[in-house]
PDB file of N, CA and C in Angstrom:
ATOM      1  N   VAL A   1       0.851  -1.167   0.000  1.00  0.00           N
ATOM      2  CA  VAL A   1       0.000   0.000   0.000  1.00  0.00           C
ATOM      3  C   VAL A   1       0.897   1.230   0.000  1.00  0.00           C
ATOM      4  N   LEU A   2       0.632   2.124  -0.915  1.00  0.00           N
ATOM      5  CA  LEU A   2       1.407   3.360  -0.995  1.00  0.00           C
ATOM      6  C   LEU A   2       0.491   4.545  -0.713  1.00  0.00           C
ATOM      7  N   PRO A   3       0.815   5.356   0.287  1.00  0.00           N
ATOM      8  CA  PRO A   3      -0.034   6.504   0.602  1.00  0.00           C
ATOM      9  C   PRO A   3       0.086   7.580  -0.470  1.00  0.00           C
ATOM     10  N   LEU A   4      -1.042   8.059  -0.933  1.00  0.00           N
ATOM     11  CA  LEU A   4      -1.057   9.101  -1.957  1.00  0.00           C
ATOM     12  C   LEU A   4      -1.991  10.223  -1.527  1.00  0.00           C
ATOM     13  N   PRO A   5      -1.449  11.400  -1.252  1.00  0.00           N
ATOM     14  CA  PRO A   5      -2.328  12.520  -0.920  1.00  0.00           C
ATOM     15  C   PRO A   5      -3.081  12.971  -2.160  1.00  0.00           C
ATOM     16  N   HIS A   6      -4.277  13.436  -1.956  1.00  0.00           N
ATOM     17  CA  HIS A   6      -5.067  13.965  -3.062  1.00  0.00           C
ATOM     18  C   HIS A   6      -4.331  15.169  -3.645  1.00  0.00           C
ATOM     19  N   PRO A   7      -4.219  15.255  -4.970  1.00  0.00           N
ATOM     20  CA  PRO A   7      -3.488  16.382  -5.580  1.00  0.00           C
ATOM     21  C   PRO A   7      -4.302  17.673  -5.515  1.00  0.00           C
ATOM     22  N   SER A   8      -4.294  18.291  -4.380  1.00  0.00           N
ATOM     23  CA  SER A   8      -5.071  19.501  -4.149  1.00  0.00           C
ATOM     24  C   SER A   8      -4.159  20.599  -3.612  1.00  0.00           C
ATOM     25  N   TRP A   9      -4.515  21.835  -3.882  1.00  0.00           N
ATOM     26  CA  TRP A   9      -3.729  22.958  -3.350  1.00  0.00           C
ATOM     27  C   TRP A   9      -3.715  22.924  -1.826  1.00  0.00           C
ATOM     28  N   ARG A  10      -4.702  22.303  -1.239  1.00  0.00           N
ATOM     29  CA  ARG A  10      -4.771  22.224   0.223  1.00  0.00           C
ATOM     30  C   ARG A  10      -3.679  21.341   0.808  1.00  0.00           C
ATOM     31  N   ASN A  11      -3.107  20.483   0.002  1.00  0.00           N
ATOM     32  CA  ASN A  11      -2.077  19.568   0.491  1.00  0.00           C
ATOM     33  C   ASN A  11      -0.667  20.123   0.358  1.00  0.00           C
ATOM     34  N   ASN A  12      -0.500  21.284  -0.218  1.00  0.00           N
ATOM     35  CA  ASN A  12       0.842  21.847  -0.392  1.00  0.00           C
ATOM     36  C   ASN A  12       1.565  22.006   0.936  1.00  0.00           C
ATOM     37  N   GLY A  13       0.872  22.438   1.960  1.00  0.00           N
ATOM     38  CA  GLY A  13       1.487  22.580   3.284  1.00  0.00           C
ATOM     39  C   GLY A  13       1.941  21.244   3.833  1.00  0.00           C
ATOM     40  N   TRP A  14       1.106  20.234   3.675  1.00  0.00           N
ATOM     41  CA  TRP A  14       1.473  18.898   4.140  1.00  0.00           C
ATOM     42  C   TRP A  14       2.703  18.399   3.398  1.00  0.00           C
ATOM     43  N   LEU A  15       2.730  18.566   2.083  1.00  0.00           N
ATOM     44  CA  LEU A  15       3.870  18.105   1.292  1.00  0.00           C
ATOM     45  C   LEU A  15       5.156  18.812   1.712  1.00  0.00           C
ATOM     46  N   LYS A  16       5.067  20.080   2.073  1.00  0.00           N
ATOM     47  CA  LYS A  16       6.261  20.809   2.519  1.00  0.00           C
ATOM     48  C   LYS A  16       6.722  20.344   3.897  1.00  0.00           C
ATOM     49  N   ARG A  17       5.785  19.951   4.748  1.00  0.00           N
ATOM     50  CA  ARG A  17       6.138  19.466   6.089  1.00  0.00           C
ATOM     51  C   ARG A  17       6.585  18.009   6.079  1.00  0.00           C
ATOM     52  N   GLU A  18       6.300  17.306   5.009  1.00  0.00           N
ATOM     53  CA  GLU A  18       6.613  15.877   4.918  1.00  0.00           C
ATOM     54  C   GLU A  18       7.525  15.606   3.720  1.00  0.00           C
ATOM     55  N   PRO A  19       8.781  16.068   3.758  1.00  0.00           N
ATOM     56  CA  PRO A  19       9.667  15.906   2.600  1.00  0.00           C
ATOM     57  C   PRO A  19       9.981  14.451   2.267  1.00  0.00           C
ATOM     58  N   TRP A  20       9.776  13.533   3.211  1.00  0.00           N
ATOM     59  CA  TRP A  20      10.007  12.115   2.946  1.00  0.00           C
ATOM     60  C   TRP A  20       9.144  11.624   1.796  1.00  0.00           C
ATOM     61  N   PHE A  21       7.969  12.236   1.625  1.00  0.00           N
ATOM     62  CA  PHE A  21       7.060  11.742   0.589  1.00  0.00           C
ATOM     63  C   PHE A  21       7.699  11.835  -0.789  1.00  0.00           C
ATOM     64  N   GLU A  22       8.224  13.006  -1.117  1.00  0.00           N
ATOM     65  CA  GLU A  22       8.866  13.168  -2.427  1.00  0.00           C
ATOM     66  C   GLU A  22      10.236  12.502  -2.482  1.00  0.00           C
ATOM     67  N   ALA A  23      10.956  12.531  -1.382  1.00  0.00           N
ATOM     68  CA  ALA A  23      12.322  12.003  -1.381  1.00  0.00           C
ATOM     69  C   ALA A  23      12.363  10.475  -1.342  1.00  0.00           C
ATOM     70  N   GLU A  24      11.465   9.863  -0.583  1.00  0.00           N
ATOM     71  CA  GLU A  24      11.537   8.417  -0.365  1.00  0.00           C
ATOM     72  C   GLU A  24      10.437   7.629  -1.060  1.00  0.00           C
ATOM     73  N   LEU A  25       9.226   8.149  -1.050  1.00  0.00           N
ATOM     74  CA  LEU A  25       8.120   7.362  -1.577  1.00  0.00           C
ATOM     75  C   LEU A  25       7.934   7.522  -3.078  1.00  0.00           C
ATOM     76  N   LEU A  26       8.049   8.724  -3.612  1.00  0.00           N
ATOM     77  CA  LEU A  26       7.808   8.907  -5.041  1.00  0.00           C
ATOM     78  C   LEU A  26       8.724   8.079  -5.931  1.00  0.00           C
ATOM     79  N   PRO A  27      10.022   7.974  -5.644  1.00  0.00           N
ATOM     80  CA  PRO A  27      10.852   7.112  -6.494  1.00  0.00           C
ATOM     81  C   PRO A  27      10.387   5.651  -6.488  1.00  0.00           C
ATOM     82  N   VAL A  28       9.954   5.163  -5.333  1.00  0.00           N
ATOM     83  CA  VAL A  28       9.451   3.793  -5.233  1.00  0.00           C
ATOM     84  C   VAL A  28       8.157   3.659  -6.030  1.00  0.00           C
ATOM     85  N   LEU A  29       7.285   4.629  -5.883  1.00  0.00           N
ATOM     86  CA  LEU A  29       6.016   4.605  -6.605  1.00  0.00           C
ATOM     87  C   LEU A  29       6.241   4.633  -8.116  1.00  0.00           C
ATOM     88  N   LYS A  30       7.118   5.510  -8.574  1.00  0.00           N
ATOM     89  CA  LYS A  30       7.407   5.602 -10.010  1.00  0.00           C
ATOM     90  C   LYS A  30       7.985   4.298 -10.545  1.00  0.00           C
ATOM     91  N   ALA A  31       8.878   3.691  -9.798  1.00  0.00           N
ATOM     92  CA  ALA A  31       9.473   2.426 -10.226  1.00  0.00           C
ATOM     93  C   ALA A  31       8.422   1.321 -10.273  1.00  0.00           C
ATOM     94  N   GLU A  32       7.541   1.288  -9.294  1.00  0.00           N
ATOM     95  CA  GLU A  32       6.499   0.256  -9.263  1.00  0.00           C
ATOM     96  C   GLU A  32       5.513   0.437 -10.411  1.00  0.00           C
ATOM     97  N   VAL A  33       5.126   1.665 -10.692  1.00  0.00           N
ATOM     98  CA  VAL A  33       4.217   1.925 -11.816  1.00  0.00           C
ATOM     99  C   VAL A  33       4.883   1.518 -13.125  1.00  0.00           C
ATOM    100  N   ALA A  34       6.147   1.865 -13.301  1.00  0.00           N
ATOM    101  CA  ALA A  34       6.872   1.483 -14.518  1.00  0.00           C
ATOM    102  C   ALA A  34       6.952  -0.040 -14.639  1.00  0.00           C
ATOM    103  N   ARG A  35       7.197  -0.724 -13.524  1.00  0.00           N
ATOM    104  CA  ARG A  35       7.281  -2.186 -13.545  1.00  0.00           C
ATOM    105  C   ARG A  35       5.948  -2.795 -13.960  1.00  0.00           C
ATOM    106  N   VAL A  36       4.862  -2.304 -13.366  1.00  0.00           N
ATOM    107  CA  VAL A  36       3.537  -2.848 -13.661  1.00  0.00           C
ATOM    108  C   VAL A  36       3.150  -2.583 -15.118  1.00  0.00           C
ATOM    109  N   LEU A  37       3.530  -1.428 -15.632  1.00  0.00           N
ATOM    110  CA  LEU A  37       3.190  -1.080 -17.013  1.00  0.00           C
ATOM    111  C   LEU A  37       4.162  -1.671 -18.024  1.00  0.00           C
ATOM    112  N   GLY A  38       5.169  -2.360 -17.545  1.00  0.00           N
ATOM    113  CA  GLY A  38       6.108  -3.019 -18.439  1.00  0.00           C
ATOM    114  C   GLY A  38       7.210  -2.129 -18.949  1.00  0.00           C
ATOM    115  N   GLY A  39       7.488  -1.055 -18.235  1.00  0.00           N
ATOM    116  CA  GLY A  39       8.508  -0.126 -18.695  1.00  0.00           C
ATOM    117  C   GLY A  39       9.671  -0.136 -17.889  1.00  0.00           C
TER     118      GLY A  39
END
């Protein structure tokens, strides 16, 4: 399970307070999506 915040302007503050999301989770998510899609 990968946590995904809703892409809303309201979440910008959360994303700034939680830098782990972009630094640690997004690369894993991108790799998993690429794997599932065969890329």
